[in-house]
Amino acid sequence: PLNPLTGKPIDSWYLPGQTWTGVFEDLAT
């Protein structure tokens, strides 16, 4: 899918074992 900010294809995603709260930690909520 395209990145809505750049109009270019996404180049990152959650890797195996990563979660929203695991990546963003205290800022997630």
PDB file of all heavy atoms in Angstrom:
ATOM      1  N   PRO A   1       0.836  -1.205   0.000  1.00  0.00           N
ATOM      2  CA  PRO A   1       0.000   0.000   0.000  1.00  0.00           C
ATOM      3  C   PRO A   1       0.869   1.253   0.000  1.00  0.00           C
ATOM      4  O   PRO A   1       2.051   1.202   0.341  1.00  0.00           O
ATOM      5  CB  PRO A   1      -0.801  -0.106   1.300  1.00  0.00           C
ATOM      6  CG  PRO A   1      -0.128  -1.148   2.122  1.00  0.00           C
ATOM      7  CD  PRO A   1       0.694  -1.989   1.208  1.00  0.00           C
ATOM      8  N   LEU A   2       0.256   2.355  -0.388  1.00  0.00           N
ATOM      9  CA  LEU A   2       0.979   3.618  -0.454  1.00  0.00           C
ATOM     10  C   LEU A   2       0.935   4.324   0.895  1.00  0.00           C
ATOM     11  O   LEU A   2      -0.068   4.308   1.596  1.00  0.00           O
ATOM     12  CB  LEU A   2       0.377   4.527  -1.518  1.00  0.00           C
ATOM     13  CG  LEU A   2       0.390   3.984  -2.941  1.00  0.00           C
ATOM     14  CD1 LEU A   2      -0.264   4.988  -3.890  1.00  0.00           C
ATOM     15  CD2 LEU A   2       1.795   3.641  -3.391  1.00  0.00           C
ATOM     16  N   ASN A   3       2.028   4.957   1.221  1.00  0.00           N
ATOM     17  CA  ASN A   3       2.102   5.800   2.398  1.00  0.00           C
ATOM     18  C   ASN A   3       1.287   7.061   2.086  1.00  0.00           C
ATOM     19  O   ASN A   3       1.578   7.758   1.119  1.00  0.00           O
ATOM     20  CB  ASN A   3       3.564   6.150   2.677  1.00  0.00           C
ATOM     21  CG  ASN A   3       3.746   7.075   3.844  1.00  0.00           C
ATOM     22  OD1 ASN A   3       2.922   7.928   4.137  1.00  0.00           O
ATOM     23  ND2 ASN A   3       4.870   6.918   4.525  1.00  0.00           N
ATOM     24  N   PRO A   4       0.244   7.366   2.870  1.00  0.00           N
ATOM     25  CA  PRO A   4      -0.587   8.534   2.542  1.00  0.00           C
ATOM     26  C   PRO A   4       0.151   9.868   2.666  1.00  0.00           C
ATOM     27  O   PRO A   4      -0.287  10.867   2.108  1.00  0.00           O
ATOM     28  CB  PRO A   4      -1.739   8.441   3.554  1.00  0.00           C
ATOM     29  CG  PRO A   4      -1.215   7.616   4.668  1.00  0.00           C
ATOM     30  CD  PRO A   4      -0.210   6.682   4.071  1.00  0.00           C
ATOM     31  N   LEU A   5       1.266   9.890   3.361  1.00  0.00           N
ATOM     32  CA  LEU A   5       2.021  11.137   3.512  1.00  0.00           C
ATOM     33  C   LEU A   5       2.972  11.391   2.357  1.00  0.00           C
ATOM     34  O   LEU A   5       3.218  12.529   1.979  1.00  0.00           O
ATOM     35  CB  LEU A   5       2.807  11.127   4.822  1.00  0.00           C
ATOM     36  CG  LEU A   5       1.972  10.980   6.090  1.00  0.00           C
ATOM     37  CD1 LEU A   5       2.876  10.889   7.310  1.00  0.00           C
ATOM     38  CD2 LEU A   5       0.986  12.127   6.226  1.00  0.00           C
ATOM     39  N   THR A   6       3.518  10.316   1.787  1.00  0.00           N
ATOM     40  CA  THR A   6       4.504  10.475   0.716  1.00  0.00           C
ATOM     41  C   THR A   6       3.970  10.084  -0.655  1.00  0.00           C
ATOM     42  O   THR A   6       4.536  10.463  -1.670  1.00  0.00           O
ATOM     43  CB  THR A   6       5.750   9.619   0.994  1.00  0.00           C
ATOM     44  OG1 THR A   6       5.386   8.236   0.943  1.00  0.00           O
ATOM     45  CG2 THR A   6       6.370   9.960   2.348  1.00  0.00           C
ATOM     46  N   GLY A   7       2.918   9.257  -0.678  1.00  0.00           N
ATOM     47  CA  GLY A   7       2.400   8.742  -1.944  1.00  0.00           C
ATOM     48  C   GLY A   7       3.238   7.615  -2.508  1.00  0.00           C
ATOM     49  O   GLY A   7       2.966   7.110  -3.582  1.00  0.00           O
ATOM     50  N   LYS A   8       4.260   7.204  -1.768  1.00  0.00           N
ATOM     51  CA  LYS A   8       5.150   6.122  -2.209  1.00  0.00           C
ATOM     52  C   LYS A   8       4.805   4.846  -1.443  1.00  0.00           C
ATOM     53  O   LYS A   8       4.216   4.906  -0.363  1.00  0.00           O
ATOM     54  CB  LYS A   8       6.606   6.513  -1.949  1.00  0.00           C
ATOM     55  CG  LYS A   8       7.043   7.722  -2.743  1.00  0.00           C
ATOM     56  CD  LYS A   8       8.465   8.106  -2.431  1.00  0.00           C
ATOM     57  CE  LYS A   8       8.834   9.349  -3.229  1.00  0.00           C
ATOM     58  NZ  LYS A   8      10.168   9.811  -2.934  1.00  0.00           N
ATOM     59  N   PRO A   9       5.201   3.687  -1.987  1.00  0.00           N
ATOM     60  CA  PRO A   9       4.928   2.431  -1.279  1.00  0.00           C
ATOM     61  C   PRO A   9       5.561   2.423   0.117  1.00  0.00           C
ATOM     62  O   PRO A   9       6.651   2.974   0.315  1.00  0.00           O
ATOM     63  CB  PRO A   9       5.576   1.368  -2.168  1.00  0.00           C
ATOM     64  CG  PRO A   9       5.628   1.988  -3.522  1.00  0.00           C
ATOM     65  CD  PRO A   9       5.850   3.457  -3.278  1.00  0.00           C
ATOM     66  N   ILE A  10       4.864   1.807   1.067  1.00  0.00           N
ATOM     67  CA  ILE A  10       5.414   1.710   2.419  1.00  0.00           C
ATOM     68  C   ILE A  10       6.723   0.938   2.364  1.00  0.00           C
ATOM     69  O   ILE A  10       6.938   0.103   1.487  1.00  0.00           O
ATOM     70  CB  ILE A  10       4.438   1.028   3.395  1.00  0.00           C
ATOM     71  CG1 ILE A  10       4.138  -0.400   2.937  1.00  0.00           C
ATOM     72  CG2 ILE A  10       3.159   1.836   3.557  1.00  0.00           C
ATOM     73  CD1 ILE A  10       3.654  -1.305   4.032  1.00  0.00           C
ATOM     74  N   ASP A  11       7.603   1.236   3.295  1.00  0.00           N
ATOM     75  CA  ASP A  11       8.884   0.533   3.326  1.00  0.00           C
ATOM     76  C   ASP A  11       9.183  -0.041   4.708  1.00  0.00           C
ATOM     77  O   ASP A  11      10.294  -0.479   4.986  1.00  0.00           O
ATOM     78  CB  ASP A  11      10.011   1.444   2.849  1.00  0.00           C
ATOM     79  CG  ASP A  11      10.141   2.712   3.685  1.00  0.00           C
ATOM     80  OD1 ASP A  11       9.420   2.853   4.703  1.00  0.00           O
ATOM     81  OD2 ASP A  11      10.963   3.560   3.329  1.00  0.00           O
ATOM     82  N   SER A  12       8.188  -0.021   5.589  1.00  0.00           N
ATOM     83  CA  SER A  12       8.362  -0.636   6.898  1.00  0.00           C
ATOM     84  C   SER A  12       7.023  -1.179   7.377  1.00  0.00           C
ATOM     85  O   SER A  12       5.968  -0.735   6.913  1.00  0.00           O
ATOM     86  CB  SER A  12       8.929   0.371   7.900  1.00  0.00           C
ATOM     87  OG  SER A  12       8.011   1.418   8.120  1.00  0.00           O
ATOM     88  N   TRP A  13       7.091  -2.143   8.269  1.00  0.00           N
ATOM     89  CA  TRP A  13       5.913  -2.794   8.832  1.00  0.00           C
ATOM     90  C   TRP A  13       6.353  -3.475  10.115  1.00  0.00           C
ATOM     91  O   TRP A  13       7.542  -3.503  10.439  1.00  0.00           O
ATOM     92  CB  TRP A  13       5.305  -3.805   7.857  1.00  0.00           C
ATOM     93  CG  TRP A  13       6.336  -4.707   7.246  1.00  0.00           C
ATOM     94  CD1 TRP A  13       6.839  -5.865   7.757  1.00  0.00           C
ATOM     95  CD2 TRP A  13       7.028  -4.487   6.020  1.00  0.00           C
ATOM     96  NE1 TRP A  13       7.799  -6.381   6.938  1.00  0.00           N
ATOM     97  CE2 TRP A  13       7.938  -5.553   5.847  1.00  0.00           C
ATOM     98  CE3 TRP A  13       6.970  -3.502   5.037  1.00  0.00           C
ATOM     99  CZ2 TRP A  13       8.764  -5.657   4.750  1.00  0.00           C
ATOM    100  CZ3 TRP A  13       7.805  -3.608   3.951  1.00  0.00           C
ATOM    101  CH2 TRP A  13       8.684  -4.680   3.812  1.00  0.00           C
ATOM    102  N   TYR A  14       5.387  -4.019  10.836  1.00  0.00           N
ATOM    103  CA  TYR A  14       5.714  -4.720  12.075  1.00  0.00           C
ATOM    104  C   TYR A  14       6.371  -6.053  11.736  1.00  0.00           C
ATOM    105  O   TYR A  14       5.856  -6.826  10.935  1.00  0.00           O
ATOM    106  CB  TYR A  14       4.468  -4.947  12.925  1.00  0.00           C
ATOM    107  CG  TYR A  14       3.956  -3.657  13.526  1.00  0.00           C
ATOM    108  CD1 TYR A  14       3.076  -2.841  12.826  1.00  0.00           C
ATOM    109  CD2 TYR A  14       4.387  -3.257  14.780  1.00  0.00           C
ATOM    110  CE1 TYR A  14       2.637  -1.656  13.373  1.00  0.00           C
ATOM    111  CE2 TYR A  14       3.946  -2.067  15.331  1.00  0.00           C
ATOM    112  CZ  TYR A  14       3.069  -1.274  14.623  1.00  0.00           C
ATOM    113  OH  TYR A  14       2.639  -0.095  15.169  1.00  0.00           O
ATOM    114  N   LEU A  15       7.503  -6.288  12.322  1.00  0.00           N
ATOM    115  CA  LEU A  15       8.250  -7.527  12.118  1.00  0.00           C
ATOM    116  C   LEU A  15       7.727  -8.587  13.073  1.00  0.00           C
ATOM    117  O   LEU A  15       6.998  -8.274  14.037  1.00  0.00           O
ATOM    118  CB  LEU A  15       9.735  -7.267  12.329  1.00  0.00           C
ATOM    119  CG  LEU A  15      10.349  -6.223  11.385  1.00  0.00           C
ATOM    120  CD1 LEU A  15      11.795  -5.945  11.771  1.00  0.00           C
ATOM    121  CD2 LEU A  15      10.234  -6.664   9.938  1.00  0.00           C
ATOM    122  N   PRO A  16       8.080  -9.854  12.856  1.00  0.00           N
ATOM    123  CA  PRO A  16       7.600 -10.912  13.753  1.00  0.00           C
ATOM    124  C   PRO A  16       7.887 -10.581  15.221  1.00  0.00           C
ATOM    125  O   PRO A  16       8.989 -10.160  15.576  1.00  0.00           O
ATOM    126  CB  PRO A  16       8.393 -12.137  13.298  1.00  0.00           C
ATOM    127  CG  PRO A  16       8.670 -11.883  11.848  1.00  0.00           C
ATOM    128  CD  PRO A  16       8.902 -10.388  11.768  1.00  0.00           C
ATOM    129  N   GLY A  17       6.856 -10.709  16.034  1.00  0.00           N
ATOM    130  CA  GLY A  17       6.979 -10.459  17.463  1.00  0.00           C
ATOM    131  C   GLY A  17       6.749  -9.021  17.886  1.00  0.00           C
ATOM    132  O   GLY A  17       6.583  -8.743  19.073  1.00  0.00           O
ATOM    133  N   GLN A  18       6.742  -8.085  16.951  1.00  0.00           N
ATOM    134  CA  GLN A  18       6.505  -6.692  17.310  1.00  0.00           C
ATOM    135  C   GLN A  18       5.008  -6.432  17.459  1.00  0.00           C
ATOM    136  O   GLN A  18       4.196  -7.010  16.738  1.00  0.00           O
ATOM    137  CB  GLN A  18       7.068  -5.741  16.256  1.00  0.00           C
ATOM    138  CG  GLN A  18       8.569  -5.680  16.221  1.00  0.00           C
ATOM    139  CD  GLN A  18       9.073  -4.688  15.188  1.00  0.00           C
ATOM    140  OE1 GLN A  18       8.505  -4.536  14.114  1.00  0.00           O
ATOM    141  NE2 GLN A  18      10.170  -4.011  15.516  1.00  0.00           N
ATOM    142  N   THR A  19       4.656  -5.545  18.371  1.00  0.00           N
ATOM    143  CA  THR A  19       3.275  -5.118  18.564  1.00  0.00           C
ATOM    144  C   THR A  19       3.255  -3.591  18.660  1.00  0.00           C
ATOM    145  O   THR A  19       4.295  -2.951  18.847  1.00  0.00           O
ATOM    146  CB  THR A  19       2.680  -5.695  19.869  1.00  0.00           C
ATOM    147  OG1 THR A  19       3.440  -5.172  20.973  1.00  0.00           O
ATOM    148  CG2 THR A  19       2.702  -7.215  19.871  1.00  0.00           C
ATOM    149  N   TRP A  20       2.058  -3.024  18.570  1.00  0.00           N
ATOM    150  CA  TRP A  20       1.881  -1.581  18.694  1.00  0.00           C
ATOM    151  C   TRP A  20       2.492  -1.078  19.999  1.00  0.00           C
ATOM    152  O   TRP A  20       3.300  -0.160  20.019  1.00  0.00           O
ATOM    153  CB  TRP A  20       0.390  -1.251  18.611  1.00  0.00           C
ATOM    154  CG  TRP A  20       0.025   0.144  18.989  1.00  0.00           C
ATOM    155  CD1 TRP A  20      -0.470   0.545  20.200  1.00  0.00           C
ATOM    156  CD2 TRP A  20       0.114   1.310  18.176  1.00  0.00           C
ATOM    157  NE1 TRP A  20      -0.694   1.898  20.185  1.00  0.00           N
ATOM    158  CE2 TRP A  20      -0.343   2.401  18.952  1.00  0.00           C
ATOM    159  CE3 TRP A  20       0.533   1.551  16.873  1.00  0.00           C
ATOM    160  CZ2 TRP A  20      -0.392   3.695  18.471  1.00  0.00           C
ATOM    161  CZ3 TRP A  20       0.476   2.848  16.397  1.00  0.00           C
ATOM    162  CH2 TRP A  20       0.030   3.899  17.188  1.00  0.00           C
ATOM    163  N   THR A  21       2.099  -1.690  21.113  1.00  0.00           N
ATOM    164  CA  THR A  21       2.597  -1.222  22.410  1.00  0.00           C
ATOM    165  C   THR A  21       4.072  -1.554  22.603  1.00  0.00           C
ATOM    166  O   THR A  21       4.785  -0.813  23.271  1.00  0.00           O
ATOM    167  CB  THR A  21       1.778  -1.800  23.573  1.00  0.00           C
ATOM    168  OG1 THR A  21       1.718  -3.211  23.447  1.00  0.00           O
ATOM    169  CG2 THR A  21       0.376  -1.235  23.597  1.00  0.00           C
ATOM    170  N   GLY A  22       4.539  -2.636  22.021  1.00  0.00           N
ATOM    171  CA  GLY A  22       5.948  -2.969  22.128  1.00  0.00           C
ATOM    172  C   GLY A  22       6.833  -1.984  21.387  1.00  0.00           C
ATOM    173  O   GLY A  22       7.922  -1.643  21.845  1.00  0.00           O
ATOM    174  N   VAL A  23       6.370  -1.485  20.255  1.00  0.00           N
ATOM    175  CA  VAL A  23       7.153  -0.544  19.460  1.00  0.00           C
ATOM    176  C   VAL A  23       7.066   0.869  20.038  1.00  0.00           C
ATOM    177  O   VAL A  23       8.076   1.555  20.190  1.00  0.00           O
ATOM    178  CB  VAL A  23       6.691  -0.550  17.985  1.00  0.00           C
ATOM    179  CG1 VAL A  23       7.323   0.580  17.194  1.00  0.00           C
ATOM    180  CG2 VAL A  23       7.013  -1.894  17.333  1.00  0.00           C
ATOM    181  N   PHE A  24       5.866   1.299  20.400  1.00  0.00           N
ATOM    182  CA  PHE A  24       5.684   2.684  20.848  1.00  0.00           C
ATOM    183  C   PHE A  24       5.720   2.849  22.366  1.00  0.00           C
ATOM    184  O   PHE A  24       5.713   3.973  22.858  1.00  0.00           O
ATOM    185  CB  PHE A  24       4.389   3.255  20.273  1.00  0.00           C
ATOM    186  CG  PHE A  24       4.486   3.480  18.791  1.00  0.00           C
ATOM    187  CD1 PHE A  24       3.995   2.541  17.901  1.00  0.00           C
ATOM    188  CD2 PHE A  24       5.092   4.614  18.288  1.00  0.00           C
ATOM    189  CE1 PHE A  24       4.095   2.737  16.529  1.00  0.00           C
ATOM    190  CE2 PHE A  24       5.200   4.825  16.928  1.00  0.00           C
ATOM    191  CZ  PHE A  24       4.700   3.880  16.043  1.00  0.00           C
ATOM    192  N   GLU A  25       5.758   1.755  23.082  1.00  0.00           N
ATOM    193  CA  GLU A  25       5.899   1.733  24.537  1.00  0.00           C
ATOM    194  C   GLU A  25       4.971   2.730  25.218  1.00  0.00           C
ATOM    195  O   GLU A  25       3.771   2.681  25.029  1.00  0.00           O
ATOM    196  CB  GLU A  25       7.365   1.939  24.924  1.00  0.00           C
ATOM    197  CG  GLU A  25       8.256   0.842  24.369  1.00  0.00           C
ATOM    198  CD  GLU A  25       9.726   1.067  24.624  1.00  0.00           C
ATOM    199  OE1 GLU A  25      10.145   2.211  24.876  1.00  0.00           O
ATOM    200  OE2 GLU A  25      10.462   0.059  24.574  1.00  0.00           O
ATOM    201  N   ASP A  26       5.519   3.631  26.020  1.00  0.00           N
ATOM    202  CA  ASP A  26       4.705   4.552  26.815  1.00  0.00           C
ATOM    203  C   ASP A  26       3.858   5.513  25.973  1.00  0.00           C
ATOM    204  O   ASP A  26       2.875   6.056  26.467  1.00  0.00           O
ATOM    205  CB  ASP A  26       5.589   5.381  27.748  1.00  0.00           C
ATOM    206  CG  ASP A  26       6.226   4.551  28.846  1.00  0.00           C
ATOM    207  OD1 ASP A  26       5.758   3.418  29.092  1.00  0.00           O
ATOM    208  OD2 ASP A  26       7.199   5.021  29.453  1.00  0.00           O
ATOM    209  N   LEU A  27       4.237   5.740  24.734  1.00  0.00           N
ATOM    210  CA  LEU A  27       3.475   6.652  23.878  1.00  0.00           C
ATOM    211  C   LEU A  27       2.294   5.985  23.177  1.00  0.00           C
ATOM    212  O   LEU A  27       1.454   6.673  22.605  1.00  0.00           O
ATOM    213  CB  LEU A  27       4.387   7.249  22.800  1.00  0.00           C
ATOM    214  CG  LEU A  27       5.385   8.293  23.265  1.00  0.00           C
ATOM    215  CD1 LEU A  27       6.262   8.720  22.097  1.00  0.00           C
ATOM    216  CD2 LEU A  27       4.677   9.487  23.861  1.00  0.00           C
ATOM    217  N   ALA A  28       2.209   4.667  23.209  1.00  0.00           N
ATOM    218  CA  ALA A  28       1.195   3.939  22.441  1.00  0.00           C
ATOM    219  C   ALA A  28      -0.222   4.411  22.748  1.00  0.00           C
ATOM    220  O   ALA A  28      -1.001   4.719  21.841  1.00  0.00           O
ATOM    221  CB  ALA A  28       1.322   2.437  22.667  1.00  0.00           C
ATOM    222  N   THR A  29      -0.582   4.475  24.002  1.00  0.00           N
ATOM    223  CA  THR A  29      -1.943   4.863  24.373  1.00  0.00           C
ATOM    224  C   THR A  29      -2.212   6.317  24.013  1.00  0.00           C
ATOM    225  O   THR A  29      -3.279   6.650  23.497  1.00  0.00           O
ATOM    226  CB  THR A  29      -2.178   4.636  25.877  1.00  0.00           C
ATOM    227  OG1 THR A  29      -1.968   3.253  26.156  1.00  0.00           O
ATOM    228  CG2 THR A  29      -3.581   5.013  26.289  1.00  0.00           C
TER     229      THR A  29
END
